[in-house]
Amino acid sequence: MECAGENVSRIRAVFMGTPEISVPALETLARTADVVGVVCQPDRPSGRGMQLRAPAVKLKALELGLEVVQPLKIRTGDFLAWMSGKKPDVALVLAYGRIVAPDVLACPRKGCMNLHASLLPRYRGAAPIQWAIVRGEAETGVSLMQMDAGMDTGPVYAVRRVAIGENETAGDLGARLASVAAGMVEDELFRVLSGEIHATAQRDDLATSAPVLKKGDGEIDWSRDPREIHNLVRGMWPWPGAFTHVGSKTLKVIETRSSAFKCGDAAPGTVVAADASGVLIACAGGTLEIVRGQLEGRKPVTGRELVMGRALAAGIRLG
């Protein structure tokens, strides 16, 4: 396959990504192109000891023997000079986590292309996987697009669609979409670079947003429909996590399950059943079972263990 007179397998590429979801695409790009540099966010403090931890992309890039840069800011002359010096044909971006400046977008010969984890123009923004689940979507996917100065607004070359499982979490779905994105690197990306696939402009009137997640987004409103709360719990896992309050303590709700149990006139958030078979919470128009949870200061346990440990009991009001 030829691209502007060059063998596509020898194309010079810069990869920009940070978390685990980006790793399969980097591995595939490294097999199929000459990756001349990898850009990821700086090491961050993590864990109880707040020790610096390298992002997943950095660890994989070093394992592959690739050059890694971790600029504090990319809107600088130094970074632009670094990018220009690499003389890339293309920069491939997947969950890098920062806005790429116009002068950097224009630097590679073929520009910058993004693998975005949604069916664009739906869910433009930083957290498309999480918000698609929270809002009850039945499917999502990965879009290969040409980046422009807007937030995920550039023309789209190709889309792969994926069904969302009824009980699938954001973490589980992210792992599947990572594999889908890697497949697009091996196939669609190189067909784009060879001129086989052309981009189609997005319809802005169909766009929806997927803003950056905040810890407060995980707070459960028990006056909502059980399905909506179930979707929130799935979409917020593993971060920031869905949560509620038991008295003065926070209860992280890790896993839930729908229930046919009728709660009568119990107020939303009331524990209507708590025994060896599990925990049921009253919601608007029904109940929801807490399958796994974690009370503040304790380890994650099953709903039954929450009852046995006296963290929850019938009649307690959550929230």
C-alpha atoms as a PDB file:
ATOM      1  CA  MET A   1       0.000   0.000   0.000  1.00  0.00           C
ATOM      2  CA  GLU A   2       1.389   3.352  -1.051  1.00  0.00           C
ATOM      3  CA  CYS A   3       0.979   6.782   0.583  1.00  0.00           C
ATOM      4  CA  ALA A   4       2.279   9.782  -1.388  1.00  0.00           C
ATOM      5  CA  GLY A   5       4.974   7.612  -2.928  1.00  0.00           C
ATOM      6  CA  GLU A   6       6.021   6.078   0.420  1.00  0.00           C
ATOM      7  CA  ASN A   7       5.429   2.642   1.861  1.00  0.00           C
ATOM      8  CA  VAL A   8       2.738   3.110   4.522  1.00  0.00           C
ATOM      9  CA  SER A   9       4.428   0.599   6.820  1.00  0.00           C
ATOM     10  CA  ARG A  10       7.373   3.035   7.030  1.00  0.00           C
ATOM     11  CA  ILE A  11       5.315   6.105   7.814  1.00  0.00           C
ATOM     12  CA  ARG A  12       6.719   8.355  10.550  1.00  0.00           C
ATOM     13  CA  ALA A  13       4.235   8.766  13.385  1.00  0.00           C
ATOM     14  CA  VAL A  14       4.050  10.506  16.740  1.00  0.00           C
ATOM     15  CA  PHE A  15       1.666   8.944  19.259  1.00  0.00           C
ATOM     16  CA  MET A  16      -0.118  11.032  21.900  1.00  0.00           C
ATOM     17  CA  GLY A  17      -1.972   9.233  24.696  1.00  0.00           C
ATOM     18  CA  THR A  18      -1.857   8.681  28.445  1.00  0.00           C
ATOM     19  CA  PRO A  19      -4.073   6.016  30.123  1.00  0.00           C
ATOM     20  CA  GLU A  20      -4.444   2.256  29.729  1.00  0.00           C
ATOM     21  CA  ILE A  21      -7.052   2.562  26.972  1.00  0.00           C
ATOM     22  CA  SER A  22      -4.366   4.057  24.704  1.00  0.00           C
ATOM     23  CA  VAL A  23      -1.874   1.197  25.059  1.00  0.00           C
ATOM     24  CA  PRO A  24      -3.221  -1.307  22.463  1.00  0.00           C
ATOM     25  CA  ALA A  25      -3.311   1.413  19.797  1.00  0.00           C
ATOM     26  CA  LEU A  26       0.299   2.370  20.595  1.00  0.00           C
ATOM     27  CA  GLU A  27       1.398  -1.260  20.371  1.00  0.00           C
ATOM     28  CA  THR A  28      -0.294  -1.658  16.998  1.00  0.00           C
ATOM     29  CA  LEU A  29       1.130   1.593  15.646  1.00  0.00           C
ATOM     30  CA  ALA A  30       4.624   0.547  16.757  1.00  0.00           C
ATOM     31  CA  ARG A  31       4.249  -2.694  14.770  1.00  0.00           C
ATOM     32  CA  THR A  32       3.003  -1.020  11.603  1.00  0.00           C
ATOM     33  CA  ALA A  33       4.806   2.340  11.477  1.00  0.00           C
ATOM     34  CA  ASP A  34       7.987   4.099  12.527  1.00  0.00           C
ATOM     35  CA  VAL A  35       6.944   5.698  15.835  1.00  0.00           C
ATOM     36  CA  VAL A  36       9.428   8.555  16.230  1.00  0.00           C
ATOM     37  CA  GLY A  37       8.086   9.834  19.542  1.00  0.00           C
ATOM     38  CA  VAL A  38       5.439   9.245  22.218  1.00  0.00           C
ATOM     39  CA  VAL A  39       3.801  12.107  24.111  1.00  0.00           C
ATOM     40  CA  CYS A  40       1.952  11.539  27.384  1.00  0.00           C
ATOM     41  CA  GLN A  41       1.067  13.491  30.498  1.00  0.00           C
ATOM     42  CA  PRO A  42       3.568  13.779  33.372  1.00  0.00           C
ATOM     43  CA  ASP A  43       3.883  11.216  36.151  1.00  0.00           C
ATOM     44  CA  ARG A  44       1.287  11.868  38.869  1.00  0.00           C
ATOM     45  CA  PRO A  45       1.143  11.175  42.627  1.00  0.00           C
ATOM     46  CA  SER A  46      -1.032   8.140  43.314  1.00  0.00           C
ATOM     47  CA  GLY A  47      -2.027   5.780  46.103  1.00  0.00           C
ATOM     48  CA  ARG A  48      -1.946   6.251  49.844  1.00  0.00           C
ATOM     49  CA  GLY A  49       1.731   7.171  49.792  1.00  0.00           C
ATOM     50  CA  MET A  50       1.137   9.663  46.950  1.00  0.00           C
ATOM     51  CA  GLN A  51       4.228   8.393  45.165  1.00  0.00           C
ATOM     52  CA  LEU A  52       4.808   9.425  41.552  1.00  0.00           C
ATOM     53  CA  ARG A  53       3.365   6.886  39.133  1.00  0.00           C
ATOM     54  CA  ALA A  54       4.079   6.762  35.417  1.00  0.00           C
ATOM     55  CA  PRO A  55       1.083   6.617  33.047  1.00  0.00           C
ATOM     56  CA  ALA A  56       0.391   3.368  31.227  1.00  0.00           C
ATOM     57  CA  VAL A  57       1.465   4.757  27.837  1.00  0.00           C
ATOM     58  CA  LYS A  58       4.863   5.787  29.167  1.00  0.00           C
ATOM     59  CA  LEU A  59       5.501   2.330  30.611  1.00  0.00           C
ATOM     60  CA  LYS A  60       4.561   0.623  27.341  1.00  0.00           C
ATOM     61  CA  ALA A  61       6.570   3.077  25.216  1.00  0.00           C
ATOM     62  CA  LEU A  62       9.707   2.500  27.287  1.00  0.00           C
ATOM     63  CA  GLU A  63       9.153  -1.249  27.028  1.00  0.00           C
ATOM     64  CA  LEU A  64       9.018  -0.842  23.236  1.00  0.00           C
ATOM     65  CA  GLY A  65      12.188   1.262  23.246  1.00  0.00           C
ATOM     66  CA  LEU A  66      10.437   4.430  22.068  1.00  0.00           C
ATOM     67  CA  GLU A  67      11.306   8.009  22.951  1.00  0.00           C
ATOM     68  CA  VAL A  68       8.892   9.501  25.499  1.00  0.00           C
ATOM     69  CA  VAL A  69       8.257  13.171  26.283  1.00  0.00           C
ATOM     70  CA  GLN A  70       5.962  14.383  29.081  1.00  0.00           C
ATOM     71  CA  PRO A  71       5.561  18.146  28.689  1.00  0.00           C
ATOM     72  CA  LEU A  72       3.864  20.091  31.447  1.00  0.00           C
ATOM     73  CA  LYS A  73       2.419  22.265  28.686  1.00  0.00           C
ATOM     74  CA  ILE A  74       2.220  21.675  24.952  1.00  0.00           C
ATOM     75  CA  ARG A  75       1.397  25.264  24.020  1.00  0.00           C
ATOM     76  CA  THR A  76       5.086  26.165  24.041  1.00  0.00           C
ATOM     77  CA  GLY A  77       7.738  26.835  21.446  1.00  0.00           C
ATOM     78  CA  ASP A  78       9.866  24.026  22.877  1.00  0.00           C
ATOM     79  CA  PHE A  79       7.205  21.397  22.256  1.00  0.00           C
ATOM     80  CA  LEU A  80       6.453  22.676  18.776  1.00  0.00           C
ATOM     81  CA  ALA A  81      10.180  22.563  17.998  1.00  0.00           C
ATOM     82  CA  TRP A  82      10.344  18.977  19.266  1.00  0.00           C
ATOM     83  CA  MET A  83       7.372  17.958  17.121  1.00  0.00           C
ATOM     84  CA  SER A  84       8.755  19.717  14.045  1.00  0.00           C
ATOM     85  CA  GLY A  85      12.127  18.084  14.542  1.00  0.00           C
ATOM     86  CA  LYS A  86      10.552  14.632  14.373  1.00  0.00           C
ATOM     87  CA  LYS A  87       9.203  15.384  10.872  1.00  0.00           C
ATOM     88  CA  PRO A  88       6.130  13.181  11.395  1.00  0.00           C
ATOM     89  CA  ASP A  89       3.791  12.212   8.617  1.00  0.00           C
ATOM     90  CA  VAL A  90       0.960  11.948  11.131  1.00  0.00           C
ATOM     91  CA  ALA A  91       0.277  12.307  14.843  1.00  0.00           C
ATOM     92  CA  LEU A  92      -2.200   9.806  16.260  1.00  0.00           C
ATOM     93  CA  VAL A  93      -4.040  10.884  19.425  1.00  0.00           C
ATOM     94  CA  LEU A  94      -6.037   8.667  21.797  1.00  0.00           C
ATOM     95  CA  ALA A  95      -7.049   9.901  25.261  1.00  0.00           C
ATOM     96  CA  TYR A  96      -4.064  12.216  25.612  1.00  0.00           C
ATOM     97  CA  GLY A  97      -6.052  14.413  27.976  1.00  0.00           C
ATOM     98  CA  ARG A  98      -5.073  17.869  26.774  1.00  0.00           C
ATOM     99  CA  ILE A  99      -6.183  20.215  24.015  1.00  0.00           C
ATOM    100  CA  VAL A 100      -3.728  20.242  21.120  1.00  0.00           C
ATOM    101  CA  ALA A 101      -2.865  23.733  19.870  1.00  0.00           C
ATOM    102  CA  PRO A 102      -3.479  24.659  16.196  1.00  0.00           C
ATOM    103  CA  ASP A 103       0.232  25.035  15.394  1.00  0.00           C
ATOM    104  CA  VAL A 104       0.859  21.493  16.672  1.00  0.00           C
ATOM    105  CA  LEU A 105      -2.138  20.178  14.723  1.00  0.00           C
ATOM    106  CA  ALA A 106      -0.627  21.597  11.543  1.00  0.00           C
ATOM    107  CA  CYS A 107       2.862  20.232  12.177  1.00  0.00           C
ATOM    108  CA  PRO A 108       2.599  16.644  10.824  1.00  0.00           C
ATOM    109  CA  ARG A 109       2.394  16.301   7.054  1.00  0.00           C
ATOM    110  CA  LYS A 110      -1.014  14.617   7.304  1.00  0.00           C
ATOM    111  CA  GLY A 111      -2.062  16.512  10.415  1.00  0.00           C
ATOM    112  CA  CYS A 112      -3.264  15.003  13.694  1.00  0.00           C
ATOM    113  CA  MET A 113      -5.840  12.216  13.800  1.00  0.00           C
ATOM    114  CA  ASN A 114      -7.845  11.217  16.835  1.00  0.00           C
ATOM    115  CA  LEU A 115      -9.387   7.910  17.866  1.00  0.00           C
ATOM    116  CA  HIS A 116     -12.376   9.097  19.893  1.00  0.00           C
ATOM    117  CA  ALA A 117     -14.405   6.624  21.959  1.00  0.00           C
ATOM    118  CA  SER A 118     -17.885   7.576  20.778  1.00  0.00           C
ATOM    119  CA  LEU A 119     -20.088   7.683  17.722  1.00  0.00           C
ATOM    120  CA  LEU A 120     -19.353  11.263  16.745  1.00  0.00           C
ATOM    121  CA  PRO A 121     -20.896  13.805  16.816  1.00  0.00           C
ATOM    122  CA  ARG A 122     -22.406  12.259  19.962  1.00  0.00           C
ATOM    123  CA  TYR A 123     -20.403  12.580  23.171  1.00  0.00           C
ATOM    124  CA  ARG A 124     -17.768  15.076  22.221  1.00  0.00           C
ATOM    125  CA  GLY A 125     -15.464  15.704  25.169  1.00  0.00           C
ATOM    126  CA  ALA A 126     -13.273  14.119  27.814  1.00  0.00           C
ATOM    127  CA  ALA A 127     -15.461  11.280  29.148  1.00  0.00           C
ATOM    128  CA  PRO A 128     -17.466   9.770  26.259  1.00  0.00           C
ATOM    129  CA  ILE A 129     -17.470   6.191  27.584  1.00  0.00           C
ATOM    130  CA  GLN A 130     -18.772   7.123  31.018  1.00  0.00           C
ATOM    131  CA  TRP A 131     -21.504   9.485  29.855  1.00  0.00           C
ATOM    132  CA  ALA A 132     -22.756   7.095  27.173  1.00  0.00           C
ATOM    133  CA  ILE A 133     -23.403   4.512  29.902  1.00  0.00           C
ATOM    134  CA  VAL A 134     -24.830   7.014  32.397  1.00  0.00           C
ATOM    135  CA  ARG A 135     -27.295   8.275  29.791  1.00  0.00           C
ATOM    136  CA  GLY A 136     -28.466   4.766  28.957  1.00  0.00           C
ATOM    137  CA  GLU A 137     -27.093   4.366  25.435  1.00  0.00           C
ATOM    138  CA  ALA A 138     -27.412   0.894  23.887  1.00  0.00           C
ATOM    139  CA  GLU A 139     -24.349   1.313  21.693  1.00  0.00           C
ATOM    140  CA  THR A 140     -21.211   3.375  21.272  1.00  0.00           C
ATOM    141  CA  GLY A 141     -18.004   2.918  19.294  1.00  0.00           C
ATOM    142  CA  VAL A 142     -14.767   4.472  18.117  1.00  0.00           C
ATOM    143  CA  SER A 143     -14.496   7.270  15.552  1.00  0.00           C
ATOM    144  CA  LEU A 144     -11.332   8.006  13.577  1.00  0.00           C
ATOM    145  CA  MET A 145     -11.323  11.734  12.863  1.00  0.00           C
ATOM    146  CA  GLN A 146      -9.135  14.544  11.600  1.00  0.00           C
ATOM    147  CA  MET A 147      -8.454  16.936  14.453  1.00  0.00           C
ATOM    148  CA  ASP A 148      -9.182  20.650  14.168  1.00  0.00           C
ATOM    149  CA  ALA A 149      -9.200  23.521  16.653  1.00  0.00           C
ATOM    150  CA  GLY A 150     -12.598  22.503  18.117  1.00  0.00           C
ATOM    151  CA  MET A 151     -13.440  19.911  20.766  1.00  0.00           C
ATOM    152  CA  ASP A 152     -13.802  16.689  18.735  1.00  0.00           C
ATOM    153  CA  THR A 153     -15.443  18.640  15.907  1.00  0.00           C
ATOM    154  CA  GLY A 154     -13.268  17.576  12.954  1.00  0.00           C
ATOM    155  CA  PRO A 155     -14.425  15.467   9.996  1.00  0.00           C
ATOM    156  CA  VAL A 156     -14.760  11.718  10.559  1.00  0.00           C
ATOM    157  CA  TYR A 157     -13.074   9.079   8.394  1.00  0.00           C
ATOM    158  CA  ALA A 158     -14.425   5.869   9.873  1.00  0.00           C
ATOM    159  CA  VAL A 159     -16.560   4.522  12.715  1.00  0.00           C
ATOM    160  CA  ARG A 160     -16.766   1.113  14.368  1.00  0.00           C
ATOM    161  CA  ARG A 161     -19.905   0.472  16.395  1.00  0.00           C
ATOM    162  CA  VAL A 162     -20.073  -1.552  19.634  1.00  0.00           C
ATOM    163  CA  ALA A 163     -23.112  -2.659  21.672  1.00  0.00           C
ATOM    164  CA  ILE A 164     -23.062  -1.734  25.370  1.00  0.00           C
ATOM    165  CA  GLY A 165     -23.854  -4.599  27.746  1.00  0.00           C
ATOM    166  CA  GLU A 166     -26.736  -4.181  30.178  1.00  0.00           C
ATOM    167  CA  ASN A 167     -24.431  -4.501  33.196  1.00  0.00           C
ATOM    168  CA  GLU A 168     -21.168  -3.348  31.581  1.00  0.00           C
ATOM    169  CA  THR A 169     -19.114  -0.783  33.497  1.00  0.00           C
ATOM    170  CA  ALA A 170     -17.101   2.067  32.029  1.00  0.00           C
ATOM    171  CA  GLY A 171     -13.938   0.132  32.870  1.00  0.00           C
ATOM    172  CA  ASP A 172     -15.111  -2.997  31.058  1.00  0.00           C
ATOM    173  CA  LEU A 173     -16.330  -1.051  28.035  1.00  0.00           C
ATOM    174  CA  GLY A 174     -13.109   0.966  27.891  1.00  0.00           C
ATOM    175  CA  ALA A 175     -11.081  -2.240  27.637  1.00  0.00           C
ATOM    176  CA  ARG A 176     -13.207  -3.421  24.720  1.00  0.00           C
ATOM    177  CA  LEU A 177     -13.004  -0.087  22.936  1.00  0.00           C
ATOM    178  CA  ALA A 178      -9.226  -0.100  23.368  1.00  0.00           C
ATOM    179  CA  SER A 179      -9.113  -3.270  21.283  1.00  0.00           C
ATOM    180  CA  VAL A 180     -11.450  -1.749  18.699  1.00  0.00           C
ATOM    181  CA  ALA A 181      -9.221   1.331  18.418  1.00  0.00           C
ATOM    182  CA  ALA A 182      -6.153  -0.855  17.906  1.00  0.00           C
ATOM    183  CA  GLY A 183      -7.932  -2.612  15.039  1.00  0.00           C
ATOM    184  CA  MET A 184      -8.636   0.740  13.417  1.00  0.00           C
ATOM    185  CA  VAL A 185      -4.942   1.633  13.600  1.00  0.00           C
ATOM    186  CA  GLU A 186      -4.109  -1.511  11.666  1.00  0.00           C
ATOM    187  CA  ASP A 187      -6.833  -1.054   9.067  1.00  0.00           C
ATOM    188  CA  GLU A 188      -8.645   2.272   8.701  1.00  0.00           C
ATOM    189  CA  LEU A 189      -5.752   4.563   9.672  1.00  0.00           C
ATOM    190  CA  PHE A 190      -3.525   3.308   6.895  1.00  0.00           C
ATOM    191  CA  ARG A 191      -6.363   3.299   4.392  1.00  0.00           C
ATOM    192  CA  VAL A 192      -6.919   6.973   5.275  1.00  0.00           C
ATOM    193  CA  LEU A 193      -3.237   7.749   4.807  1.00  0.00           C
ATOM    194  CA  SER A 194      -3.196   5.977   1.450  1.00  0.00           C
ATOM    195  CA  GLY A 195      -6.187   7.992   0.237  1.00  0.00           C
ATOM    196  CA  GLU A 196      -8.707   5.128   0.199  1.00  0.00           C
ATOM    197  CA  ILE A 197     -11.004   6.694   2.801  1.00  0.00           C
ATOM    198  CA  HIS A 198     -12.192  10.285   2.792  1.00  0.00           C
ATOM    199  CA  ALA A 199     -13.582  12.275   5.704  1.00  0.00           C
ATOM    200  CA  THR A 200     -17.196  13.345   6.201  1.00  0.00           C
ATOM    201  CA  ALA A 201     -18.070  16.520   8.087  1.00  0.00           C
ATOM    202  CA  GLN A 202     -19.914  16.103  11.375  1.00  0.00           C
ATOM    203  CA  ARG A 203     -23.436  17.404  11.880  1.00  0.00           C
ATOM    204  CA  ASP A 204     -23.156  19.904  14.705  1.00  0.00           C
ATOM    205  CA  ASP A 205     -26.927  19.852  15.259  1.00  0.00           C
ATOM    206  CA  LEU A 206     -26.655  16.209  16.415  1.00  0.00           C
ATOM    207  CA  ALA A 207     -23.774  16.823  18.827  1.00  0.00           C
ATOM    208  CA  THR A 208     -23.918  15.974  22.533  1.00  0.00           C
ATOM    209  CA  SER A 209     -21.285  16.630  25.177  1.00  0.00           C
ATOM    210  CA  ALA A 210     -19.237  14.407  27.493  1.00  0.00           C
ATOM    211  CA  PRO A 211     -17.674  16.806  30.012  1.00  0.00           C
ATOM    212  CA  VAL A 212     -14.781  16.054  32.352  1.00  0.00           C
ATOM    213  CA  LEU A 213     -15.867  13.910  35.292  1.00  0.00           C
ATOM    214  CA  LYS A 214     -15.895  15.330  38.809  1.00  0.00           C
ATOM    215  CA  LYS A 215     -16.160  13.348  42.040  1.00  0.00           C
ATOM    216  CA  GLY A 216     -19.558  14.867  42.704  1.00  0.00           C
ATOM    217  CA  ASP A 217     -20.947  13.392  39.474  1.00  0.00           C
ATOM    218  CA  GLY A 218     -21.085  10.017  41.213  1.00  0.00           C
ATOM    219  CA  GLU A 219     -23.542  11.046  43.945  1.00  0.00           C
ATOM    220  CA  ILE A 220     -26.709   8.948  43.782  1.00  0.00           C
ATOM    221  CA  ASP A 221     -30.117  10.611  43.745  1.00  0.00           C
ATOM    222  CA  TRP A 222     -32.435   7.860  45.010  1.00  0.00           C
ATOM    223  CA  SER A 223     -35.481   9.742  43.716  1.00  0.00           C
ATOM    224  CA  ARG A 224     -34.462   8.730  40.192  1.00  0.00           C
ATOM    225  CA  ASP A 225     -35.651   5.645  38.314  1.00  0.00           C
ATOM    226  CA  PRO A 226     -33.807   2.394  39.274  1.00  0.00           C
ATOM    227  CA  ARG A 227     -32.486   1.999  35.709  1.00  0.00           C
ATOM    228  CA  GLU A 228     -31.021   5.520  35.773  1.00  0.00           C
ATOM    229  CA  ILE A 229     -29.252   4.814  39.059  1.00  0.00           C
ATOM    230  CA  HIS A 230     -27.966   1.465  37.752  1.00  0.00           C
ATOM    231  CA  ASN A 231     -26.558   3.277  34.713  1.00  0.00           C
ATOM    232  CA  LEU A 232     -24.896   5.871  36.953  1.00  0.00           C
ATOM    233  CA  VAL A 233     -23.216   3.159  39.030  1.00  0.00           C
ATOM    234  CA  ARG A 234     -21.921   1.427  35.880  1.00  0.00           C
ATOM    235  CA  GLY A 235     -20.790   4.618  34.202  1.00  0.00           C
ATOM    236  CA  MET A 236     -18.912   5.941  37.227  1.00  0.00           C
ATOM    237  CA  TRP A 237     -16.892   2.757  37.781  1.00  0.00           C
ATOM    238  CA  PRO A 238     -13.952   2.684  38.349  1.00  0.00           C
ATOM    239  CA  TRP A 239     -13.668   6.487  38.697  1.00  0.00           C
ATOM    240  CA  PRO A 240     -15.014   8.557  40.367  1.00  0.00           C
ATOM    241  CA  GLY A 241     -17.334   5.855  41.675  1.00  0.00           C
ATOM    242  CA  ALA A 242     -21.026   6.164  42.562  1.00  0.00           C
ATOM    243  CA  PHE A 243     -21.726   6.953  46.191  1.00  0.00           C
ATOM    244  CA  THR A 244     -24.351   7.735  48.771  1.00  0.00           C
ATOM    245  CA  HIS A 245     -24.335   8.451  52.499  1.00  0.00           C
ATOM    246  CA  VAL A 246     -25.175   6.303  55.514  1.00  0.00           C
ATOM    247  CA  GLY A 247     -25.461   8.772  58.341  1.00  0.00           C
ATOM    248  CA  SER A 248     -22.188  10.681  58.425  1.00  0.00           C
ATOM    249  CA  LYS A 249     -20.291   8.062  56.382  1.00  0.00           C
ATOM    250  CA  THR A 250     -19.915   7.631  52.645  1.00  0.00           C
ATOM    251  CA  LEU A 251     -20.978   4.373  51.041  1.00  0.00           C
ATOM    252  CA  LYS A 252     -19.416   3.698  47.652  1.00  0.00           C
ATOM    253  CA  VAL A 253     -21.882   1.703  45.537  1.00  0.00           C
ATOM    254  CA  ILE A 254     -19.793  -0.528  43.288  1.00  0.00           C
ATOM    255  CA  GLU A 255     -22.350  -2.841  41.686  1.00  0.00           C
ATOM    256  CA  THR A 256     -26.141  -2.902  41.488  1.00  0.00           C
ATOM    257  CA  ARG A 257     -28.832  -5.124  40.035  1.00  0.00           C
ATOM    258  CA  SER A 258     -32.435  -4.504  39.032  1.00  0.00           C
ATOM    259  CA  SER A 259     -35.153  -5.933  41.251  1.00  0.00           C
ATOM    260  CA  ALA A 260     -38.832  -6.755  40.795  1.00  0.00           C
ATOM    261  CA  PHE A 261     -39.533  -6.126  44.500  1.00  0.00           C
ATOM    262  CA  LYS A 262     -42.239  -3.497  45.091  1.00  0.00           C
ATOM    263  CA  CYS A 263     -41.345  -0.901  47.715  1.00  0.00           C
ATOM    264  CA  GLY A 264     -44.858   0.395  48.341  1.00  0.00           C
ATOM    265  CA  ASP A 265     -44.833   3.963  49.652  1.00  0.00           C
ATOM    266  CA  ALA A 266     -41.290   3.820  51.077  1.00  0.00           C
ATOM    267  CA  ALA A 267     -39.384   7.084  50.638  1.00  0.00           C
ATOM    268  CA  PRO A 268     -36.590   7.039  48.023  1.00  0.00           C
ATOM    269  CA  GLY A 269     -33.304   5.919  49.554  1.00  0.00           C
ATOM    270  CA  THR A 270     -34.946   3.761  52.210  1.00  0.00           C
ATOM    271  CA  VAL A 271     -33.477   0.307  52.781  1.00  0.00           C
ATOM    272  CA  VAL A 272     -36.628  -1.804  52.297  1.00  0.00           C
ATOM    273  CA  ALA A 273     -34.938  -5.199  52.672  1.00  0.00           C
ATOM    274  CA  ALA A 274     -31.651  -6.180  54.286  1.00  0.00           C
ATOM    275  CA  ASP A 275     -30.989  -9.824  55.043  1.00  0.00           C
ATOM    276  CA  ALA A 276     -28.884 -12.802  53.975  1.00  0.00           C
ATOM    277  CA  SER A 277     -30.277 -12.561  50.447  1.00  0.00           C
ATOM    278  CA  GLY A 278     -29.108  -8.966  49.917  1.00  0.00           C
ATOM    279  CA  VAL A 279     -29.983  -5.285  50.179  1.00  0.00           C
ATOM    280  CA  LEU A 280     -32.833  -3.496  48.363  1.00  0.00           C
ATOM    281  CA  ILE A 281     -33.173   0.288  48.180  1.00  0.00           C
ATOM    282  CA  ALA A 282     -36.358   2.185  47.325  1.00  0.00           C
ATOM    283  CA  CYS A 283     -36.137   4.383  44.235  1.00  0.00           C
ATOM    284  CA  ALA A 284     -38.710   6.234  42.148  1.00  0.00           C
ATOM    285  CA  GLY A 285     -41.141   3.584  40.941  1.00  0.00           C
ATOM    286  CA  GLY A 286     -39.191   0.552  42.118  1.00  0.00           C
ATOM    287  CA  THR A 287     -36.193  -0.847  43.946  1.00  0.00           C
ATOM    288  CA  LEU A 288     -32.534  -1.489  43.244  1.00  0.00           C
ATOM    289  CA  GLU A 289     -30.280  -4.129  44.783  1.00  0.00           C
ATOM    290  CA  ILE A 290     -26.817  -3.189  46.051  1.00  0.00           C
ATOM    291  CA  VAL A 291     -24.668  -6.144  45.006  1.00  0.00           C
ATOM    292  CA  ARG A 292     -21.323  -4.744  46.160  1.00  0.00           C
ATOM    293  CA  GLY A 293     -20.394  -1.691  48.180  1.00  0.00           C
ATOM    294  CA  GLN A 294     -17.687  -0.137  50.305  1.00  0.00           C
ATOM    295  CA  LEU A 295     -18.381   1.761  53.491  1.00  0.00           C
ATOM    296  CA  GLU A 296     -15.942   4.569  54.253  1.00  0.00           C
ATOM    297  CA  GLY A 297     -12.851   3.189  55.991  1.00  0.00           C
ATOM    298  CA  ARG A 298     -13.596  -0.423  55.077  1.00  0.00           C
ATOM    299  CA  LYS A 299     -12.868  -2.789  52.187  1.00  0.00           C
ATOM    300  CA  PRO A 300     -15.336  -3.592  49.359  1.00  0.00           C
ATOM    301  CA  VAL A 301     -17.857  -6.308  50.296  1.00  0.00           C
ATOM    302  CA  THR A 302     -21.067  -7.899  49.035  1.00  0.00           C
ATOM    303  CA  GLY A 303     -24.489  -6.544  49.911  1.00  0.00           C
ATOM    304  CA  ARG A 304     -24.999  -9.484  52.267  1.00  0.00           C
ATOM    305  CA  GLU A 305     -21.742  -8.621  54.053  1.00  0.00           C
ATOM    306  CA  LEU A 306     -22.886  -5.004  54.426  1.00  0.00           C
ATOM    307  CA  VAL A 307     -25.879  -6.367  56.327  1.00  0.00           C
ATOM    308  CA  MET A 308     -23.895  -8.850  58.385  1.00  0.00           C
ATOM    309  CA  GLY A 309     -21.436  -6.105  59.340  1.00  0.00           C
ATOM    310  CA  ARG A 310     -24.353  -3.895  60.378  1.00  0.00           C
ATOM    311  CA  ALA A 311     -23.467  -1.166  57.896  1.00  0.00           C
ATOM    312  CA  LEU A 312     -27.005  -1.414  56.499  1.00  0.00           C
ATOM    313  CA  ALA A 313     -30.323  -2.482  57.985  1.00  0.00           C
ATOM    314  CA  ALA A 314     -33.985  -2.269  56.974  1.00  0.00           C
ATOM    315  CA  GLY A 315     -35.447   1.172  57.598  1.00  0.00           C
ATOM    316  CA  ILE A 316     -32.188   3.133  57.217  1.00  0.00           C
ATOM    317  CA  ARG A 317     -32.464   6.086  54.830  1.00  0.00           C
ATOM    318  CA  LEU A 318     -29.575   6.628  52.420  1.00  0.00           C
ATOM    319  CA  GLY A 319     -28.517   9.902  50.892  1.00  0.00           C
END
